[in-house]
Amino acid sequence: MQQLTPVELADWLSRTDGEKPLLLDVREAWEYSHCHIEDSVHVPMQAVPGRITEWEEDAPIIAICHHGARSLQVAHFLEQHGFKQVYNLSGGVDAWAKTVDHAMPTY
C-alpha cells in the first residue's frame, strides 16, 4: 500500500493516458453528500468487505476518507485480500480541499 498526496492524485487524474484509478470513498453517507472528489465511488467502510468482488485485483484503487485514517484501514484490508495497486489518499478529502479544490466544502 502506498500513500498518495492530493497533488499527486490530481496529476494522475489529469493525465489522458494510462488507466484511471477507482476512487473509493469509504466515508459515511452524510460525509459523502457534503463533499466528495468527482467520479469517486461511495462505499462506506463497513460495506467494503461485501463489495470486494466488484473490483479487479490488478486495477489501481485509491482509498479516500476525511483525513486518511479509515481509508488507510481499508487499503490494508484490500491488500490482505489480494489487491495489488492500493493507495491511500494522505490527508483525505480535507487535504484535497485545502491543496487541490479550494471550492470544495470542508467539515
PDB file of N, CA and C in Angstrom:
ATOM      1  N   MET A   1       0.847  -1.172   0.000  1.00  0.00           N
ATOM      2  CA  MET A   1       0.000   0.000   0.000  1.00  0.00           C
ATOM      3  C   MET A   1       0.891   1.233   0.000  1.00  0.00           C
ATOM      4  N   GLN A   2       0.533   2.156  -0.841  1.00  0.00           N
ATOM      5  CA  GLN A   2       1.308   3.382  -0.963  1.00  0.00           C
ATOM      6  C   GLN A   2       0.467   4.577  -0.538  1.00  0.00           C
ATOM      7  N   GLN A   3       1.147   5.604  -0.062  1.00  0.00           N
ATOM      8  CA  GLN A   3       0.485   6.868   0.249  1.00  0.00           C
ATOM      9  C   GLN A   3       0.536   7.736  -1.004  1.00  0.00           C
ATOM     10  N   LEU A   4      -0.522   8.486  -1.238  1.00  0.00           N
ATOM     11  CA  LEU A   4      -0.610   9.363  -2.388  1.00  0.00           C
ATOM     12  C   LEU A   4      -1.075  10.722  -1.890  1.00  0.00           C
ATOM     13  N   THR A   5      -0.361  11.776  -2.225  1.00  0.00           N
ATOM     14  CA  THR A   5      -0.784  13.107  -1.807  1.00  0.00           C
ATOM     15  C   THR A   5      -1.912  13.592  -2.717  1.00  0.00           C
ATOM     16  N   PRO A   6      -2.679  14.575  -2.267  1.00  0.00           N
ATOM     17  CA  PRO A   6      -3.710  15.129  -3.135  1.00  0.00           C
ATOM     18  C   PRO A   6      -3.156  15.676  -4.451  1.00  0.00           C
ATOM     19  N   VAL A   7      -2.005  16.319  -4.412  1.00  0.00           N
ATOM     20  CA  VAL A   7      -1.408  16.862  -5.639  1.00  0.00           C
ATOM     21  C   VAL A   7      -1.023  15.735  -6.595  1.00  0.00           C
ATOM     22  N   GLU A   8      -0.463  14.658  -6.057  1.00  0.00           N
ATOM     23  CA  GLU A   8      -0.125  13.502  -6.901  1.00  0.00           C
ATOM     24  C   GLU A   8      -1.374  12.891  -7.521  1.00  0.00           C
ATOM     25  N   LEU A   9      -2.449  12.795  -6.749  1.00  0.00           N
ATOM     26  CA  LEU A   9      -3.699  12.265  -7.287  1.00  0.00           C
ATOM     27  C   LEU A   9      -4.256  13.185  -8.363  1.00  0.00           C
ATOM     28  N   ALA A  10      -4.244  14.483  -8.136  1.00  0.00           N
ATOM     29  CA  ALA A  10      -4.732  15.435  -9.137  1.00  0.00           C
ATOM     30  C   ALA A  10      -3.947  15.297 -10.442  1.00  0.00           C
ATOM     31  N   ASP A  11      -2.632  15.138 -10.328  1.00  0.00           N
ATOM     32  CA  ASP A  11      -1.803  14.942 -11.521  1.00  0.00           C
ATOM     33  C   ASP A  11      -2.193  13.660 -12.247  1.00  0.00           C
ATOM     34  N   TRP A  12      -2.391  12.588 -11.493  1.00  0.00           N
ATOM     35  CA  TRP A  12      -2.791  11.302 -12.077  1.00  0.00           C
ATOM     36  C   TRP A  12      -4.120  11.437 -12.815  1.00  0.00           C
ATOM     37  N   LEU A  13      -5.083  12.081 -12.166  1.00  0.00           N
ATOM     38  CA  LEU A  13      -6.413  12.212 -12.763  1.00  0.00           C
ATOM     39  C   LEU A  13      -6.418  13.123 -13.981  1.00  0.00           C
ATOM     40  N   SER A  14      -5.470  14.033 -14.065  1.00  0.00           N
ATOM     41  CA  SER A  14      -5.423  14.961 -15.202  1.00  0.00           C
ATOM     42  C   SER A  14      -4.783  14.340 -16.443  1.00  0.00           C
ATOM     43  N   ARG A  15      -4.088  13.223 -16.286  1.00  0.00           N
ATOM     44  CA  ARG A  15      -3.441  12.564 -17.426  1.00  0.00           C
ATOM     45  C   ARG A  15      -4.484  11.969 -18.364  1.00  0.00           C
ATOM     46  N   THR A  16      -4.215  12.061 -19.634  1.00  0.00           N
ATOM     47  CA  THR A  16      -5.123  11.477 -20.622  1.00  0.00           C
ATOM     48  C   THR A  16      -4.698  10.077 -21.037  1.00  0.00           C
ATOM     49  N   ASP A  17      -3.479   9.698 -20.674  1.00  0.00           N
ATOM     50  CA  ASP A  17      -3.006   8.351 -20.987  1.00  0.00           C
ATOM     51  C   ASP A  17      -3.018   7.499 -19.719  1.00  0.00           C
ATOM     52  N   GLY A  18      -3.038   6.211 -19.892  1.00  0.00           N
ATOM     53  CA  GLY A  18      -2.977   5.320 -18.739  1.00  0.00           C
ATOM     54  C   GLY A  18      -4.335   5.034 -18.129  1.00  0.00           C
ATOM     55  N   GLU A  19      -4.320   4.108 -17.208  1.00  0.00           N
ATOM     56  CA  GLU A  19      -5.533   3.641 -16.545  1.00  0.00           C
ATOM     57  C   GLU A  19      -5.947   4.604 -15.432  1.00  0.00           C
ATOM     58  N   LYS A  20      -7.212   4.939 -15.404  1.00  0.00           N
ATOM     59  CA  LYS A  20      -7.744   5.775 -14.333  1.00  0.00           C
ATOM     60  C   LYS A  20      -8.001   4.889 -13.113  1.00  0.00           C
ATOM     61  N   PRO A  21      -7.696   5.389 -11.925  1.00  0.00           N
ATOM     62  CA  PRO A  21      -7.931   4.589 -10.721  1.00  0.00           C
ATOM     63  C   PRO A  21      -9.389   4.623 -10.284  1.00  0.00           C
ATOM     64  N   LEU A  22      -9.770   3.622  -9.512  1.00  0.00           N
ATOM     65  CA  LEU A  22     -11.054   3.637  -8.819  1.00  0.00           C
ATOM     66  C   LEU A  22     -10.869   4.514  -7.590  1.00  0.00           C
ATOM     67  N   LEU A  23     -11.658   5.562  -7.477  1.00  0.00           N
ATOM     68  CA  LEU A  23     -11.622   6.450  -6.312  1.00  0.00           C
ATOM     69  C   LEU A  23     -12.667   5.937  -5.336  1.00  0.00           C
ATOM     70  N   LEU A  24     -12.217   5.221  -4.330  1.00  0.00           N
ATOM     71  CA  LEU A  24     -13.103   4.529  -3.392  1.00  0.00           C
ATOM     72  C   LEU A  24     -13.251   5.355  -2.122  1.00  0.00           C
ATOM     73  N   ASP A  25     -14.359   6.066  -2.006  1.00  0.00           N
ATOM     74  CA  ASP A  25     -14.624   6.922  -0.850  1.00  0.00           C
ATOM     75  C   ASP A  25     -15.347   6.091   0.203  1.00  0.00           C
ATOM     76  N   VAL A  26     -14.705   5.901   1.353  1.00  0.00           N
ATOM     77  CA  VAL A  26     -15.228   4.988   2.376  1.00  0.00           C
ATOM     78  C   VAL A  26     -15.897   5.709   3.546  1.00  0.00           C
ATOM     79  N   ARG A  27     -16.199   6.980   3.380  1.00  0.00           N
ATOM     80  CA  ARG A  27     -16.839   7.744   4.457  1.00  0.00           C
ATOM     81  C   ARG A  27     -18.324   7.396   4.569  1.00  0.00           C
ATOM     82  N   GLU A  28     -18.947   7.954   5.577  1.00  0.00           N
ATOM     83  CA  GLU A  28     -20.383   7.765   5.781  1.00  0.00           C
ATOM     84  C   GLU A  28     -21.164   8.575   4.735  1.00  0.00           C
ATOM     85  N   ALA A  29     -22.425   8.213   4.542  1.00  0.00           N
ATOM     86  CA  ALA A  29     -23.251   8.844   3.512  1.00  0.00           C
ATOM     87  C   ALA A  29     -23.363  10.360   3.701  1.00  0.00           C
ATOM     88  N   TRP A  30     -23.531  10.818   4.941  1.00  0.00           N
ATOM     89  CA  TRP A  30     -23.675  12.264   5.161  1.00  0.00           C
ATOM     90  C   TRP A  30     -22.388  12.997   4.792  1.00  0.00           C
ATOM     91  N   GLU A  31     -21.238  12.362   5.020  1.00  0.00           N
ATOM     92  CA  GLU A  31     -19.962  12.987   4.675  1.00  0.00           C
ATOM     93  C   GLU A  31     -19.817  13.084   3.155  1.00  0.00           C
ATOM     94  N   TYR A  32     -20.145  11.995   2.481  1.00  0.00           N
ATOM     95  CA  TYR A  32     -20.038  11.969   1.025  1.00  0.00           C
ATOM     96  C   TYR A  32     -20.976  12.979   0.381  1.00  0.00           C
ATOM     97  N   SER A  33     -22.185  13.094   0.925  1.00  0.00           N
ATOM     98  CA  SER A  33     -23.137  14.053   0.343  1.00  0.00           C
ATOM     99  C   SER A  33     -22.701  15.495   0.586  1.00  0.00           C
ATOM    100  N   HIS A  34     -21.937  15.727   1.635  1.00  0.00           N
ATOM    101  CA  HIS A  34     -21.433  17.075   1.931  1.00  0.00           C
ATOM    102  C   HIS A  34     -20.364  17.494   0.928  1.00  0.00           C
ATOM    103  N   CYS A  35     -19.456  16.576   0.610  1.00  0.00           N
ATOM    104  CA  CYS A  35     -18.398  16.852  -0.360  1.00  0.00           C
ATOM    105  C   CYS A  35     -17.745  15.554  -0.781  1.00  0.00           C
ATOM    106  N   HIS A  36     -17.278  15.513  -2.004  1.00  0.00           N
ATOM    107  CA  HIS A  36     -16.539  14.348  -2.490  1.00  0.00           C
ATOM    108  C   HIS A  36     -15.768  14.725  -3.754  1.00  0.00           C
ATOM    109  N   ILE A  37     -14.783  13.912  -4.056  1.00  0.00           N
ATOM    110  CA  ILE A  37     -13.995  14.103  -5.262  1.00  0.00           C
ATOM    111  C   ILE A  37     -14.804  13.584  -6.440  1.00  0.00           C
ATOM    112  N   GLU A  38     -14.813  14.358  -7.507  1.00  0.00           N
ATOM    113  CA  GLU A  38     -15.576  13.996  -8.695  1.00  0.00           C
ATOM    114  C   GLU A  38     -15.200  12.600  -9.186  1.00  0.00           C
ATOM    115  N   ASP A  39     -16.202  11.849  -9.596  1.00  0.00           N
ATOM    116  CA  ASP A  39     -16.068  10.489 -10.114  1.00  0.00           C
ATOM    117  C   ASP A  39     -15.697   9.446  -9.061  1.00  0.00           C
ATOM    118  N   SER A  40     -15.736   9.822  -7.784  1.00  0.00           N
ATOM    119  CA  SER A  40     -15.475   8.832  -6.747  1.00  0.00           C
ATOM    120  C   SER A  40     -16.698   7.937  -6.569  1.00  0.00           C
ATOM    121  N   VAL A  41     -16.441   6.742  -6.049  1.00  0.00           N
ATOM    122  CA  VAL A  41     -17.496   5.767  -5.778  1.00  0.00           C
ATOM    123  C   VAL A  41     -17.645   5.679  -4.264  1.00  0.00           C
ATOM    124  N   HIS A  42     -18.872   5.837  -3.798  1.00  0.00           N
ATOM    125  CA  HIS A  42     -19.118   5.815  -2.364  1.00  0.00           C
ATOM    126  C   HIS A  42     -19.452   4.406  -1.902  1.00  0.00           C
ATOM    127  N   VAL A  43     -18.600   3.869  -1.039  1.00  0.00           N
ATOM    128  CA  VAL A  43     -18.837   2.581  -0.391  1.00  0.00           C
ATOM    129  C   VAL A  43     -18.410   2.758   1.062  1.00  0.00           C
ATOM    130  N   PRO A  44     -19.360   2.916   1.985  1.00  0.00           N
ATOM    131  CA  PRO A  44     -18.980   3.089   3.383  1.00  0.00           C
ATOM    132  C   PRO A  44     -18.050   1.976   3.859  1.00  0.00           C
ATOM    133  N   MET A  45     -17.158   2.327   4.753  1.00  0.00           N
ATOM    134  CA  MET A  45     -16.123   1.409   5.227  1.00  0.00           C
ATOM    135  C   MET A  45     -16.676   0.031   5.589  1.00  0.00           C
ATOM    136  N   GLN A  46     -17.762  -0.007   6.329  1.00  0.00           N
ATOM    137  CA  GLN A  46     -18.295  -1.291   6.782  1.00  0.00           C
ATOM    138  C   GLN A  46     -18.867  -2.119   5.638  1.00  0.00           C
ATOM    139  N   ALA A  47     -19.133  -1.510   4.484  1.00  0.00           N
ATOM    140  CA  ALA A  47     -19.679  -2.245   3.337  1.00  0.00           C
ATOM    141  C   ALA A  47     -18.597  -2.799   2.412  1.00  0.00           C
ATOM    142  N   VAL A  48     -17.365  -2.378   2.586  1.00  0.00           N
ATOM    143  CA  VAL A  48     -16.281  -2.790   1.691  1.00  0.00           C
ATOM    144  C   VAL A  48     -16.125  -4.310   1.622  1.00  0.00           C
ATOM    145  N   PRO A  49     -16.097  -5.045   2.749  1.00  0.00           N
ATOM    146  CA  PRO A  49     -15.907  -6.500   2.647  1.00  0.00           C
ATOM    147  C   PRO A  49     -16.933  -7.192   1.749  1.00  0.00           C
ATOM    148  N   GLY A  50     -18.139  -6.720   1.737  1.00  0.00           N
ATOM    149  CA  GLY A  50     -19.179  -7.324   0.918  1.00  0.00           C
ATOM    150  C   GLY A  50     -19.148  -6.910  -0.541  1.00  0.00           C
ATOM    151  N   ARG A  51     -18.284  -5.979  -0.873  1.00  0.00           N
ATOM    152  CA  ARG A  51     -18.258  -5.462  -2.243  1.00  0.00           C
ATOM    153  C   ARG A  51     -16.953  -5.742  -2.982  1.00  0.00           C
ATOM    154  N   ILE A  52     -15.967  -6.366  -2.327  1.00  0.00           N
ATOM    155  CA  ILE A  52     -14.653  -6.511  -2.959  1.00  0.00           C
ATOM    156  C   ILE A  52     -14.667  -7.344  -4.236  1.00  0.00           C
ATOM    157  N   THR A  53     -15.674  -8.181  -4.416  1.00  0.00           N
ATOM    158  CA  THR A  53     -15.729  -8.970  -5.650  1.00  0.00           C
ATOM    159  C   THR A  53     -16.091  -8.107  -6.863  1.00  0.00           C
ATOM    160  N   GLU A  54     -16.514  -6.874  -6.624  1.00  0.00           N
ATOM    161  CA  GLU A  54     -16.879  -5.963  -7.718  1.00  0.00           C
ATOM    162  C   GLU A  54     -15.666  -5.316  -8.375  1.00  0.00           C
ATOM    163  N   TRP A  55     -14.508  -5.369  -7.717  1.00  0.00           N
ATOM    164  CA  TRP A  55     -13.328  -4.650  -8.190  1.00  0.00           C
ATOM    165  C   TRP A  55     -12.241  -5.611  -8.640  1.00  0.00           C
ATOM    166  N   GLU A  56     -11.500  -5.193  -9.658  1.00  0.00           N
ATOM    167  CA  GLU A  56     -10.407  -6.005 -10.184  1.00  0.00           C
ATOM    168  C   GLU A  56      -9.195  -5.896  -9.269  1.00  0.00           C
ATOM    169  N   GLU A  57      -8.591  -7.025  -8.963  1.00  0.00           N
ATOM    170  CA  GLU A  57      -7.445  -7.053  -8.054  1.00  0.00           C
ATOM    171  C   GLU A  57      -6.219  -6.353  -8.614  1.00  0.00           C
ATOM    172  N   ASP A  58      -6.107  -6.272  -9.937  1.00  0.00           N
ATOM    173  CA  ASP A  58      -4.930  -5.643 -10.549  1.00  0.00           C
ATOM    174  C   ASP A  58      -5.144  -4.175 -10.903  1.00  0.00           C
ATOM    175  N   ALA A  59      -6.347  -3.669 -10.741  1.00  0.00           N
ATOM    176  CA  ALA A  59      -6.635  -2.278 -11.088  1.00  0.00           C
ATOM    177  C   ALA A  59      -6.236  -1.349  -9.929  1.00  0.00           C
ATOM    178  N   PRO A  60      -5.811  -0.123 -10.240  1.00  0.00           N
ATOM    179  CA  PRO A  60      -5.450   0.809  -9.172  1.00  0.00           C
ATOM    180  C   PRO A  60      -6.684   1.294  -8.403  1.00  0.00           C
ATOM    181  N   ILE A  61      -6.566   1.277  -7.082  1.00  0.00           N
ATOM    182  CA  ILE A  61      -7.644   1.733  -6.201  1.00  0.00           C
ATOM    183  C   ILE A  61      -7.066   2.765  -5.240  1.00  0.00           C
ATOM    184  N   ILE A  62      -7.728   3.914  -5.159  1.00  0.00           N
ATOM    185  CA  ILE A  62      -7.355   4.957  -4.208  1.00  0.00           C
ATOM    186  C   ILE A  62      -8.419   4.973  -3.117  1.00  0.00           C
ATOM    187  N   ALA A  63      -8.040   4.647  -1.889  1.00  0.00           N
ATOM    188  CA  ALA A  63      -8.970   4.691  -0.756  1.00  0.00           C
ATOM    189  C   ALA A  63      -8.975   6.110  -0.196  1.00  0.00           C
ATOM    190  N   ILE A  64     -10.188   6.626   0.049  1.00  0.00           N
ATOM    191  CA  ILE A  64     -10.361   8.018   0.461  1.00  0.00           C
ATOM    192  C   ILE A  64     -11.299   8.096   1.653  1.00  0.00           C
ATOM    193  N   CYS A  65     -10.945   8.936   2.632  1.00  0.00           N
ATOM    194  CA  CYS A  65     -11.865   9.263   3.729  1.00  0.00           C
ATOM    195  C   CYS A  65     -11.669  10.733   4.088  1.00  0.00           C
ATOM    196  N   HIS A  66     -12.030  11.126   5.297  1.00  0.00           N
ATOM    197  CA  HIS A  66     -11.935  12.529   5.689  1.00  0.00           C
ATOM    198  C   HIS A  66     -10.497  12.981   5.875  1.00  0.00           C
ATOM    199  N   HIS A  67      -9.727  12.256   6.698  1.00  0.00           N
ATOM    200  CA  HIS A  67      -8.338  12.638   6.967  1.00  0.00           C
ATOM    201  C   HIS A  67      -7.316  11.562   6.598  1.00  0.00           C
ATOM    202  N   GLY A  68      -7.752  10.390   6.220  1.00  0.00           N
ATOM    203  CA  GLY A  68      -6.835   9.345   5.792  1.00  0.00           C
ATOM    204  C   GLY A  68      -6.691   8.158   6.717  1.00  0.00           C
ATOM    205  N   ALA A  69      -7.347   8.163   7.873  1.00  0.00           N
ATOM    206  CA  ALA A  69      -7.205   7.046   8.823  1.00  0.00           C
ATOM    207  C   ALA A  69      -8.085   5.848   8.443  1.00  0.00           C
ATOM    208  N   ARG A  70      -9.363   6.103   8.191  1.00  0.00           N
ATOM    209  CA  ARG A  70     -10.257   4.998   7.803  1.00  0.00           C
ATOM    210  C   ARG A  70      -9.831   4.405   6.459  1.00  0.00           C
ATOM    211  N   SER A  71      -9.460   5.279   5.535  1.00  0.00           N
ATOM    212  CA  SER A  71      -9.038   4.790   4.224  1.00  0.00           C
ATOM    213  C   SER A  71      -7.759   3.967   4.328  1.00  0.00           C
ATOM    214  N   LEU A  72      -6.899   4.294   5.272  1.00  0.00           N
ATOM    215  CA  LEU A  72      -5.689   3.505   5.494  1.00  0.00           C
ATOM    216  C   LEU A  72      -6.065   2.089   5.924  1.00  0.00           C
ATOM    217  N   GLN A  73      -7.041   1.965   6.798  1.00  0.00           N
ATOM    218  CA  GLN A  73      -7.509   0.642   7.230  1.00  0.00           C
ATOM    219  C   GLN A  73      -8.091  -0.137   6.051  1.00  0.00           C
ATOM    220  N   VAL A  74      -8.874   0.540   5.229  1.00  0.00           N
ATOM    221  CA  VAL A  74      -9.464  -0.119   4.059  1.00  0.00           C
ATOM    222  C   VAL A  74      -8.373  -0.531   3.077  1.00  0.00           C
ATOM    223  N   ALA A  75      -7.387   0.321   2.874  1.00  0.00           N
ATOM    224  CA  ALA A  75      -6.284  -0.002   1.963  1.00  0.00           C
ATOM    225  C   ALA A  75      -5.552  -1.259   2.437  1.00  0.00           C
ATOM    226  N   HIS A  76      -5.293  -1.345   3.729  1.00  0.00           N
ATOM    227  CA  HIS A  76      -4.650  -2.548   4.275  1.00  0.00           C
ATOM    228  C   HIS A  76      -5.533  -3.778   4.068  1.00  0.00           C
ATOM    229  N   PHE A  77      -6.823  -3.629   4.299  1.00  0.00           N
ATOM    230  CA  PHE A  77      -7.760  -4.735   4.102  1.00  0.00           C
ATOM    231  C   PHE A  77      -7.726  -5.221   2.654  1.00  0.00           C
ATOM    232  N   LEU A  78      -7.750  -4.289   1.717  1.00  0.00           N
ATOM    233  CA  LEU A  78      -7.727  -4.662   0.302  1.00  0.00           C
ATOM    234  C   LEU A  78      -6.435  -5.400  -0.054  1.00  0.00           C
ATOM    235  N   GLU A  79      -5.322  -4.917   0.445  1.00  0.00           N
ATOM    236  CA  GLU A  79      -4.051  -5.602   0.192  1.00  0.00           C
ATOM    237  C   GLU A  79      -4.064  -7.018   0.755  1.00  0.00           C
ATOM    238  N   GLN A  80      -4.614  -7.176   1.945  1.00  0.00           N
ATOM    239  CA  GLN A  80      -4.682  -8.504   2.566  1.00  0.00           C
ATOM    240  C   GLN A  80      -5.551  -9.462   1.753  1.00  0.00           C
ATOM    241  N   HIS A  81      -6.422  -8.895   0.912  1.00  0.00           N
ATOM    242  CA  HIS A  81      -7.314  -9.716   0.097  1.00  0.00           C
ATOM    243  C   HIS A  81      -6.870  -9.762  -1.362  1.00  0.00           C
ATOM    244  N   GLY A  82      -5.588  -9.505  -1.596  1.00  0.00           N
ATOM    245  CA  GLY A  82      -5.011  -9.748  -2.913  1.00  0.00           C
ATOM    246  C   GLY A  82      -4.969  -8.592  -3.886  1.00  0.00           C
ATOM    247  N   PHE A  83      -5.411  -7.407  -3.479  1.00  0.00           N
ATOM    248  CA  PHE A  83      -5.365  -6.269  -4.386  1.00  0.00           C
ATOM    249  C   PHE A  83      -3.930  -5.766  -4.488  1.00  0.00           C
ATOM    250  N   LYS A  84      -3.495  -5.474  -5.708  1.00  0.00           N
ATOM    251  CA  LYS A  84      -2.081  -5.221  -5.974  1.00  0.00           C
ATOM    252  C   LYS A  84      -1.699  -3.739  -6.009  1.00  0.00           C
ATOM    253  N   GLN A  85      -2.599  -2.876  -6.453  1.00  0.00           N
ATOM    254  CA  GLN A  85      -2.291  -1.454  -6.622  1.00  0.00           C
ATOM    255  C   GLN A  85      -3.204  -0.609  -5.731  1.00  0.00           C
ATOM    256  N   VAL A  86      -2.920  -0.621  -4.449  1.00  0.00           N
ATOM    257  CA  VAL A  86      -3.761   0.079  -3.491  1.00  0.00           C
ATOM    258  C   VAL A  86      -3.016   1.302  -2.970  1.00  0.00           C
ATOM    259  N   TYR A  87      -3.714   2.418  -2.940  1.00  0.00           N
ATOM    260  CA  TYR A  87      -3.157   3.676  -2.467  1.00  0.00           C
ATOM    261  C   TYR A  87      -4.089   4.278  -1.425  1.00  0.00           C
ATOM    262  N   ASN A  88      -3.517   4.994  -0.481  1.00  0.00           N
ATOM    263  CA  ASN A  88      -4.289   5.744   0.496  1.00  0.00           C
ATOM    264  C   ASN A  88      -4.088   7.224   0.200  1.00  0.00           C
ATOM    265  N   LEU A  89      -5.177   7.989   0.137  1.00  0.00           N
ATOM    266  CA  LEU A  89      -5.060   9.431  -0.079  1.00  0.00           C
ATOM    267  C   LEU A  89      -4.663  10.089   1.238  1.00  0.00           C
ATOM    268  N   SER A  90      -3.428  10.517   1.324  1.00  0.00           N
ATOM    269  CA  SER A  90      -2.911  11.164   2.539  1.00  0.00           C
ATOM    270  C   SER A  90      -3.691  12.436   2.832  1.00  0.00           C
ATOM    271  N   GLY A  91      -4.186  12.514   4.049  1.00  0.00           N
ATOM    272  CA  GLY A  91      -4.929  13.710   4.451  1.00  0.00           C
ATOM    273  C   GLY A  91      -6.376  13.734   4.011  1.00  0.00           C
ATOM    274  N   GLY A  92      -6.787  12.755   3.201  1.00  0.00           N
ATOM    275  CA  GLY A  92      -8.183  12.615   2.787  1.00  0.00           C
ATOM    276  C   GLY A  92      -8.749  13.801   2.018  1.00  0.00           C
ATOM    277  N   VAL A  93     -10.083  13.884   2.023  1.00  0.00           N
ATOM    278  CA  VAL A  93     -10.738  14.972   1.290  1.00  0.00           C
ATOM    279  C   VAL A  93     -10.452  16.330   1.928  1.00  0.00           C
ATOM    280  N   ASP A  94     -10.121  16.327   3.203  1.00  0.00           N
ATOM    281  CA  ASP A  94      -9.769  17.593   3.854  1.00  0.00           C
ATOM    282  C   ASP A  94      -8.514  18.178   3.207  1.00  0.00           C
ATOM    283  N   ALA A  95      -7.495  17.355   3.019  1.00  0.00           N
ATOM    284  CA  ALA A  95      -6.267  17.815   2.362  1.00  0.00           C
ATOM    285  C   ALA A  95      -6.516  18.142   0.893  1.00  0.00           C
ATOM    286  N   TRP A  96      -7.383  17.361   0.239  1.00  0.00           N
ATOM    287  CA  TRP A  96      -7.739  17.623  -1.151  1.00  0.00           C
ATOM    288  C   TRP A  96      -8.346  19.029  -1.269  1.00  0.00           C
ATOM    289  N   ALA A  97      -9.276  19.357  -0.381  1.00  0.00           N
ATOM    290  CA  ALA A  97      -9.927  20.666  -0.409  1.00  0.00           C
ATOM    291  C   ALA A  97      -8.934  21.797  -0.148  1.00  0.00           C
ATOM    292  N   LYS A  98      -7.988  21.551   0.716  1.00  0.00           N
ATOM    293  CA  LYS A  98      -7.022  22.597   1.070  1.00  0.00           C
ATOM    294  C   LYS A  98      -5.922  22.790   0.034  1.00  0.00           C
ATOM    295  N   THR A  99      -5.614  21.754  -0.742  1.00  0.00           N
ATOM    296  CA  THR A  99      -4.487  21.868  -1.661  1.00  0.00           C
ATOM    297  C   THR A  99      -4.853  21.795  -3.139  1.00  0.00           C
ATOM    298  N   VAL A 100      -5.995  21.170  -3.470  1.00  0.00           N
ATOM    299  CA  VAL A 100      -6.341  20.976  -4.882  1.00  0.00           C
ATOM    300  C   VAL A 100      -7.626  21.696  -5.263  1.00  0.00           C
ATOM    301  N   ASP A 101      -8.699  21.462  -4.531  1.00  0.00           N
ATOM    302  CA  ASP A 101     -10.020  22.008  -4.869  1.00  0.00           C
ATOM    303  C   ASP A 101     -10.470  22.947  -3.760  1.00  0.00           C
ATOM    304  N   HIS A 102     -10.049  24.196  -3.864  1.00  0.00           N
ATOM    305  CA  HIS A 102     -10.352  25.178  -2.819  1.00  0.00           C
ATOM    306  C   HIS A 102     -11.842  25.521  -2.721  1.00  0.00           C
ATOM    307  N   ALA A 103     -12.612  25.147  -3.735  1.00  0.00           N
ATOM    308  CA  ALA A 103     -14.059  25.398  -3.698  1.00  0.00           C
ATOM    309  C   ALA A 103     -14.822  24.285  -2.977  1.00  0.00           C
ATOM    310  N   MET A 104     -14.149  23.177  -2.691  1.00  0.00           N
ATOM    311  CA  MET A 104     -14.813  22.052  -2.020  1.00  0.00           C
ATOM    312  C   MET A 104     -15.130  22.432  -0.566  1.00  0.00           C
ATOM    313  N   PRO A 105     -16.368  22.188  -0.118  1.00  0.00           N
ATOM    314  CA  PRO A 105     -16.691  22.452   1.280  1.00  0.00           C
ATOM    315  C   PRO A 105     -15.889  21.534   2.199  1.00  0.00           C
ATOM    316  N   THR A 106     -15.573  22.019   3.373  1.00  0.00           N
ATOM    317  CA  THR A 106     -14.884  21.212   4.379  1.00  0.00           C
ATOM    318  C   THR A 106     -15.790  21.065   5.599  1.00  0.00           C
ATOM    319  N   TYR A 107     -15.412  20.176   6.474  1.00  0.00           N
ATOM    320  CA  TYR A 107     -16.180  19.968   7.715  1.00  0.00           C
ATOM    321  C   TYR A 107     -15.245  19.508   8.802  1.00  0.00           C
TER     322      TYR A 107
END
